[in-house]
Protein backbone atom coordinates (compact mmCIF):
# COMPACT_ATOMS: atom_id res chain seq x y z
CA MET A 1 5.78 -39.62 -43.06
CA LYS A 2 6.42 -42.14 -45.81
CA ARG A 3 9.68 -40.58 -46.78
CA PHE A 4 10.65 -40.40 -43.17
CA LYS A 5 10.06 -44.21 -42.83
CA MET A 6 12.07 -44.85 -45.94
CA THR A 7 15.02 -42.86 -44.67
CA ALA A 8 14.78 -44.57 -41.26
CA HIS A 9 14.73 -47.86 -43.07
CA LYS A 10 17.85 -47.11 -45.22
CA PHE A 11 19.63 -45.73 -42.07
CA TYR A 12 18.84 -48.79 -40.03
CA TYR A 13 19.97 -51.24 -42.66
CA GLY A 14 23.05 -49.19 -43.49
CA VAL A 15 24.30 -49.26 -39.92
CA LEU A 16 23.39 -52.94 -39.74
CA ARG A 17 25.50 -53.68 -42.71
CA LYS A 18 28.33 -51.58 -41.25
CA GLY A 19 28.00 -53.47 -37.99
CA LYS A 20 28.32 -56.87 -39.85
CA GLY A 21 31.32 -55.52 -41.80
CA ILE A 22 33.05 -54.49 -38.62
CA TYR A 23 32.11 -57.68 -36.91
CA SER A 24 33.51 -59.72 -39.91
CA LEU A 25 36.81 -57.65 -39.78
CA LEU A 26 37.29 -58.20 -36.20
CA ALA A 27 36.61 -61.84 -36.49
CA LEU A 28 39.12 -62.09 -39.38
CA ILE A 29 41.76 -60.26 -37.36
CA PHE A 30 41.19 -62.50 -34.28
CA LEU A 31 41.33 -65.80 -36.47
CA MET A 32 44.66 -64.35 -38.09
CA MET A 33 46.04 -63.90 -34.57
CA VAL A 34 45.07 -67.30 -33.37
CA ALA A 35 46.43 -68.91 -36.70
CA PHE A 36 49.77 -67.01 -36.18
CA VAL A 37 50.03 -68.57 -32.61
CA PHE A 38 49.70 -71.97 -34.01
CA LEU A 39 51.87 -71.43 -37.12
CA TYR A 40 54.66 -69.57 -35.25
CA PRO A 41 56.69 -72.58 -34.26
CA PHE A 42 56.30 -74.01 -37.77
CA LEU A 43 57.45 -70.83 -39.38
CA TYR A 44 60.32 -70.43 -37.05
CA MET A 45 61.48 -73.99 -37.91
CA ILE A 46 61.48 -73.47 -41.66
CA VAL A 47 63.23 -69.99 -41.43
CA THR A 48 65.78 -71.21 -39.05
CA SER A 49 66.66 -74.19 -41.27
CA PHE A 50 67.82 -71.76 -43.87
CA LYS A 51 70.08 -69.76 -41.66
CA SER A 52 73.78 -70.10 -41.98
CA PHE A 53 76.31 -69.93 -38.99
CA SER A 54 76.73 -66.21 -39.58
CA ASP A 55 72.88 -65.61 -39.43
CA LEU A 56 72.53 -67.78 -36.24
CA ASN A 57 75.28 -65.73 -34.48
CA ASP A 58 73.81 -62.38 -35.63
CA ILE A 59 71.26 -60.89 -33.18
CA SER A 60 69.95 -58.58 -35.84
CA VAL A 61 68.84 -61.46 -37.95
CA ASN A 62 65.31 -62.57 -36.95
CA TRP A 63 63.00 -63.68 -39.78
CA ILE A 64 64.87 -62.95 -42.91
CA PRO A 65 68.37 -64.60 -43.24
CA LYS A 66 71.02 -62.39 -44.55
CA ALA A 67 72.97 -65.44 -45.96
CA PRO A 68 70.40 -68.10 -46.62
CA THR A 69 71.81 -71.56 -47.23
CA LEU A 70 70.66 -75.17 -48.04
CA SER A 71 73.60 -76.74 -46.45
CA ASN A 72 71.62 -77.60 -43.29
CA TYR A 73 69.37 -80.00 -45.22
CA PRO A 74 72.14 -82.52 -46.46
CA LYS A 75 73.69 -82.33 -42.99
CA ALA A 76 70.35 -83.16 -41.46
CA VAL A 77 69.80 -86.12 -43.87
CA PHE A 78 73.35 -87.44 -43.02
CA HIS A 79 72.83 -87.26 -39.25
CA LEU A 80 69.30 -88.69 -39.29
CA GLU A 81 70.53 -91.61 -41.66
CA TYR A 82 67.32 -90.73 -43.42
CA ILE A 83 66.89 -93.43 -45.90
CA PRO A 84 67.09 -96.66 -43.71
CA HIS A 85 65.14 -94.98 -40.83
CA PHE A 86 62.66 -93.59 -43.15
CA PHE A 87 61.72 -97.05 -44.26
CA ILE A 88 61.56 -98.22 -40.76
CA SER A 89 58.98 -95.62 -39.91
CA VAL A 90 57.04 -96.42 -43.24
CA GLY A 91 56.97 -100.15 -42.20
CA LEU A 92 55.80 -99.48 -38.64
CA ALA A 93 53.25 -96.89 -39.86
CA GLY A 94 52.01 -99.18 -42.76
CA ILE A 95 51.44 -102.23 -40.53
CA THR A 96 49.67 -99.92 -37.83
CA ILE A 97 47.30 -98.49 -40.57
CA ALA A 98 46.41 -101.94 -41.93
CA ALA A 99 45.81 -103.25 -38.42
CA LYS A 100 43.65 -100.27 -37.39
CA LEU A 101 41.62 -100.60 -40.69
CA PHE A 102 40.79 -104.28 -40.58
CA VAL A 103 41.01 -105.28 -36.88
CA CYS A 104 39.27 -102.17 -35.42
CA SER A 105 36.56 -102.05 -38.12
CA TYR A 106 35.80 -105.80 -37.65
CA ILE A 107 35.51 -105.30 -33.73
CA ALA A 108 33.37 -102.21 -34.47
CA TYR A 109 31.05 -104.17 -36.80
CA GLY A 110 30.51 -106.62 -34.06
CA PHE A 111 29.63 -103.93 -31.57
CA ALA A 112 27.23 -102.30 -34.13
CA ARG A 113 25.41 -105.30 -35.48
CA PHE A 114 25.40 -108.09 -32.85
CA GLN A 115 23.56 -108.46 -29.56
CA PHE A 116 25.54 -110.41 -26.94
CA PHE A 117 25.97 -110.55 -23.25
CA GLY A 118 28.20 -107.83 -21.81
CA ARG A 119 28.29 -105.90 -24.96
CA GLY A 120 27.65 -102.63 -23.22
CA VAL A 121 30.36 -103.35 -20.62
CA LEU A 122 32.92 -104.30 -23.15
CA PHE A 123 32.22 -101.23 -25.21
CA THR A 124 32.49 -99.10 -21.96
CA ILE A 125 35.99 -100.63 -21.52
CA VAL A 126 36.75 -99.59 -25.05
CA LEU A 127 35.77 -96.08 -24.34
CA LEU A 128 37.83 -96.04 -21.23
CA THR A 129 40.90 -96.93 -23.24
CA MET A 130 40.38 -93.58 -25.22
CA ILE A 131 40.98 -91.57 -22.03
CA MET A 132 43.35 -93.74 -20.04
CA PRO A 133 46.94 -92.46 -20.05
CA VAL A 134 49.38 -94.87 -21.58
CA GLN A 135 51.75 -94.46 -18.69
CA THR A 136 49.22 -96.02 -16.24
CA ILE A 137 49.60 -99.59 -18.06
CA LEU A 138 53.27 -99.03 -18.95
CA LEU A 139 54.77 -101.20 -16.16
CA PRO A 140 52.63 -104.32 -16.57
CA GLN A 141 52.95 -104.15 -20.26
CA TYR A 142 56.64 -103.83 -20.10
CA ILE A 143 56.91 -106.79 -17.66
CA GLN A 144 54.81 -108.96 -19.81
CA PHE A 145 56.76 -108.11 -23.01
CA ALA A 146 60.19 -108.44 -21.19
CA GLN A 147 59.03 -112.02 -20.00
CA ARG A 148 58.37 -112.79 -23.66
CA LYS A 149 61.73 -111.38 -24.62
CA TRP A 150 60.10 -108.97 -26.98
CA VAL A 151 61.84 -105.88 -25.55
CA GLY A 152 64.32 -104.68 -28.07
CA THR A 153 62.05 -105.56 -31.00
CA PRO A 154 59.14 -103.93 -32.71
CA LEU A 155 56.84 -106.73 -31.51
CA PRO A 156 55.51 -104.72 -28.36
CA ILE A 157 54.56 -101.87 -30.77
CA LEU A 158 52.91 -104.08 -33.53
CA VAL A 159 51.37 -106.94 -31.79
CA PRO A 160 48.74 -104.95 -29.74
CA GLN A 161 47.63 -103.44 -33.04
CA PHE A 162 46.25 -106.84 -34.16
CA PHE A 163 43.92 -106.97 -31.02
CA GLY A 164 42.39 -103.68 -31.40
CA LEU A 165 44.73 -102.06 -28.83
CA GLY A 166 47.96 -100.14 -29.55
CA LEU A 167 48.05 -96.46 -30.21
CA LYS A 168 44.47 -95.04 -29.60
CA GLY A 169 42.72 -98.23 -30.96
CA GLY A 170 39.63 -97.36 -28.98
CA ILE A 171 39.06 -94.12 -31.06
CA PHE A 172 39.07 -96.13 -34.30
CA ILE A 173 36.66 -98.87 -32.95
CA PHE A 174 34.26 -95.96 -31.81
CA LEU A 175 34.62 -94.17 -35.17
CA PHE A 176 33.85 -97.38 -37.26
CA ARG A 177 30.97 -98.33 -34.94
CA GLN A 178 29.35 -94.94 -35.33
CA PHE A 179 29.60 -95.28 -39.11
CA PHE A 180 28.29 -98.89 -39.14
CA LEU A 181 25.16 -97.89 -37.12
CA SER A 182 24.34 -95.51 -39.82
CA ILE A 183 24.33 -98.20 -42.69
CA PRO A 184 20.76 -99.32 -43.45
CA LYS A 185 20.27 -102.88 -42.24
CA SER A 186 18.35 -103.66 -45.45
CA LEU A 187 21.69 -103.90 -47.27
CA GLU A 188 22.89 -106.51 -45.00
CA GLU A 189 19.64 -108.34 -45.20
CA ALA A 190 19.77 -108.39 -48.82
CA ALA A 191 23.24 -109.77 -48.88
CA LYS A 192 22.10 -112.49 -46.34
CA LEU A 193 19.29 -113.49 -48.68
CA ASP A 194 22.00 -113.83 -51.44
CA GLY A 195 23.84 -116.38 -49.27
CA CYS A 196 26.51 -114.02 -47.94
CA GLY A 197 27.75 -114.90 -44.42
CA VAL A 198 28.71 -112.62 -41.59
CA VAL A 199 32.26 -112.13 -42.71
CA GLY A 200 31.25 -111.83 -46.38
CA THR A 201 28.68 -109.13 -45.45
CA TYR A 202 31.48 -107.23 -43.43
CA ALA A 203 34.01 -107.50 -46.29
CA ARG A 204 31.84 -106.93 -49.20
CA ILE A 205 29.03 -104.51 -47.76
CA ALA A 206 30.08 -102.76 -44.59
CA LEU A 207 33.74 -102.12 -45.07
CA PRO A 208 33.53 -100.83 -48.79
CA THR A 209 30.77 -98.33 -47.76
CA ALA A 210 32.81 -96.93 -44.94
CA GLN A 211 35.15 -94.83 -47.05
CA SER A 212 34.93 -91.73 -44.99
CA ALA A 213 35.81 -93.66 -41.76
CA ILE A 214 38.67 -95.33 -43.73
CA ILE A 215 40.15 -91.96 -44.93
CA ILE A 216 39.94 -90.71 -41.33
CA THR A 217 41.56 -93.79 -39.96
CA ILE A 218 44.45 -93.70 -42.46
CA VAL A 219 45.21 -90.02 -41.84
CA LEU A 220 45.02 -90.19 -37.96
CA ALA A 221 46.73 -93.53 -37.63
CA LEU A 222 49.63 -92.30 -39.90
CA VAL A 223 50.05 -89.07 -37.92
CA TRP A 224 49.95 -90.77 -34.59
CA SER A 225 52.10 -93.63 -35.49
CA TRP A 226 54.72 -91.55 -37.47
CA ASN A 227 55.05 -89.14 -34.60
CA ASP A 228 55.16 -91.64 -31.75
CA PHE A 229 58.27 -91.01 -29.81
CA TYR A 230 57.10 -92.80 -26.56
CA GLU A 231 56.87 -96.42 -27.41
CA PRO A 232 59.98 -96.65 -29.51
CA ALA A 233 61.96 -94.99 -26.71
CA ILE A 234 60.67 -97.56 -24.36
CA TYR A 235 60.96 -100.78 -26.29
CA LEU A 236 63.62 -100.15 -29.13
CA ARG A 237 67.13 -100.11 -27.76
CA ASP A 238 69.31 -100.42 -30.82
CA ILE A 239 69.73 -97.22 -32.78
CA HIS A 240 69.49 -99.22 -35.98
CA SER A 241 65.89 -100.07 -35.36
CA TRP A 242 64.72 -96.63 -34.36
CA PRO A 243 62.14 -94.84 -36.54
CA LEU A 244 62.84 -91.52 -38.01
CA PRO A 245 61.31 -89.24 -35.32
CA LYS A 246 63.39 -91.09 -32.62
CA MET A 247 66.59 -90.19 -34.60
CA LEU A 248 65.94 -86.60 -33.83
CA GLU A 249 67.32 -87.35 -30.32
CA GLN A 250 70.73 -88.17 -31.69
CA VAL A 251 70.78 -84.84 -33.73
CA TYR A 252 69.73 -83.01 -30.60
CA TYR A 253 72.79 -84.54 -28.71
CA TYR A 254 75.14 -83.22 -31.43
CA TYR A 255 73.32 -79.92 -31.12
CA LEU A 256 74.16 -79.78 -27.38
CA ALA A 257 77.71 -80.66 -28.19
CA TYR A 258 77.65 -77.63 -30.62
CA LEU A 259 76.46 -75.29 -27.74
CA ASN A 260 79.07 -76.67 -25.31
CA PRO A 261 80.91 -79.95 -25.69
CA SER A 262 81.93 -79.94 -21.99
CA ASN A 263 78.27 -80.15 -20.90
CA ILE A 264 77.69 -83.48 -22.64
CA SER A 265 76.76 -86.00 -19.99
CA ASP A 266 78.07 -89.52 -19.96
CA LYS A 267 74.48 -90.75 -20.06
CA TYR A 268 74.28 -89.71 -23.69
CA THR A 269 75.15 -92.27 -26.33
CA LEU A 270 77.53 -89.92 -28.22
CA ALA A 271 79.39 -88.60 -25.17
CA SER A 272 82.54 -90.68 -25.55
CA GLU A 273 82.50 -90.27 -29.42
CA ILE A 274 82.20 -86.48 -29.14
CA ARG A 275 85.01 -86.27 -26.59
CA THR A 276 87.45 -88.29 -28.75
CA MET A 277 86.92 -86.39 -32.08
CA ASP A 278 89.52 -84.23 -33.65
CA PRO A 279 88.67 -80.61 -34.22
CA ALA A 280 88.11 -80.91 -37.99
CA THR A 281 85.68 -83.93 -37.59
CA LEU A 282 84.01 -82.23 -34.72
CA GLN A 283 83.27 -79.19 -36.95
CA ILE A 284 81.74 -81.41 -39.59
CA LYS A 285 79.62 -83.60 -37.37
CA LEU A 286 78.33 -81.10 -34.93
CA VAL A 287 75.03 -79.41 -35.87
CA SER A 288 73.68 -75.82 -35.35
CA GLU A 289 70.30 -74.95 -34.56
CA GLY A 290 69.65 -74.46 -38.31
CA THR A 291 70.51 -78.09 -38.97
CA LEU A 292 68.41 -79.22 -35.98
CA MET A 293 65.44 -77.32 -37.48
CA ALA A 294 66.09 -78.79 -40.95
CA ALA A 295 66.07 -82.37 -39.44
CA THR A 296 62.75 -81.62 -37.71
CA PHE A 297 61.29 -80.27 -40.98
CA ILE A 298 62.26 -83.19 -43.12
CA VAL A 299 60.97 -85.64 -40.50
CA THR A 300 57.62 -84.01 -40.63
CA VAL A 301 57.38 -83.53 -44.45
CA PRO A 302 55.92 -86.96 -45.23
CA VAL A 303 52.99 -86.42 -42.87
CA LEU A 304 52.43 -83.03 -44.31
CA LEU A 305 52.43 -84.32 -47.80
CA MET A 306 49.89 -87.03 -46.96
CA TYR A 307 47.66 -84.69 -45.12
CA THR A 308 47.73 -82.22 -47.90
CA PHE A 309 46.80 -84.95 -50.46
CA LEU A 310 43.97 -86.30 -48.32
CA GLN A 311 42.80 -83.09 -46.72
CA ARG A 312 39.62 -82.56 -48.69
CA LYS A 313 38.51 -86.25 -48.18
CA PHE A 314 39.62 -86.22 -44.60
CA MET A 315 37.33 -83.16 -43.98
CA GLN A 316 34.43 -84.74 -45.77
CA GLY A 317 34.85 -87.91 -43.85
CA ILE A 318 34.77 -85.89 -40.51
CA GLU A 319 31.45 -84.30 -41.73
CA ARG A 320 29.86 -87.58 -42.70
CA SER A 321 30.93 -89.82 -39.83
CA GLY A 322 29.60 -90.19 -36.37
CA LEU A 323 32.09 -87.68 -35.03
CA VAL A 324 29.81 -84.87 -35.58
CA ASP A 325 26.79 -86.53 -33.78
């Protein structure tokens, strides 16, 4: 009887272990399939950026180019006018990040530590801005900025940042508020006893301890600001003031001309220029799908590098902040 129980015990746990192994294998396969769905556009972009004209016109070439080339990247840099527009994007993103860090955190500190009339209503309005589509307030905003003659300048993009608005400002206010609520009040009371005022307590106690929230804000504000195509398309009219992602529009127009120059509509900025080019210049300036993918890749590289550098701290910040509550 004892031997029978031992055999049944071993059989049960053996089946259980096999079941766990099969479950883990199926979970791994499922996760790999999901990851491939998300990574497929990125992989396609990178592979296509190395394809030559012959590879792009060869239907037998799918993932592995027969004649890989790097010529698409210099051409993409040329059409993007990469250096000046890169610094425009860096400037817009840097100002946005600084405004998010100091303005949104200061507003959040007020919501977290002070009792005042209408605090709940105001914070509810802040939360509503997180779910309100930008398009619903576009018209009144545009009219206000046009009356101030700001349209055509970066002011409509930058000025709202310094009032806790701008691109997803409500999310950062909510994030900092959740973190400040977790700080023991004894730290602030000790600072007050030492003669530190409200601003000093915020600057010397609250903000320095919010490192996890700061990392999250830097990463998210950078990604959202860098990839923002909507606001520059509305407010920035001069091509020389466009940020780098907006310049992809011009590269795409050249790509349309490469497919069929006769289909370029007069509404495109480059229509008249393309139609008056001689064949030699046209061949140099027009871009293929490989050049378009190369341009897209080098536009996203700065964000990828920043996220790779801050990935560990970013995930730790997510775990420690109020986003998990």
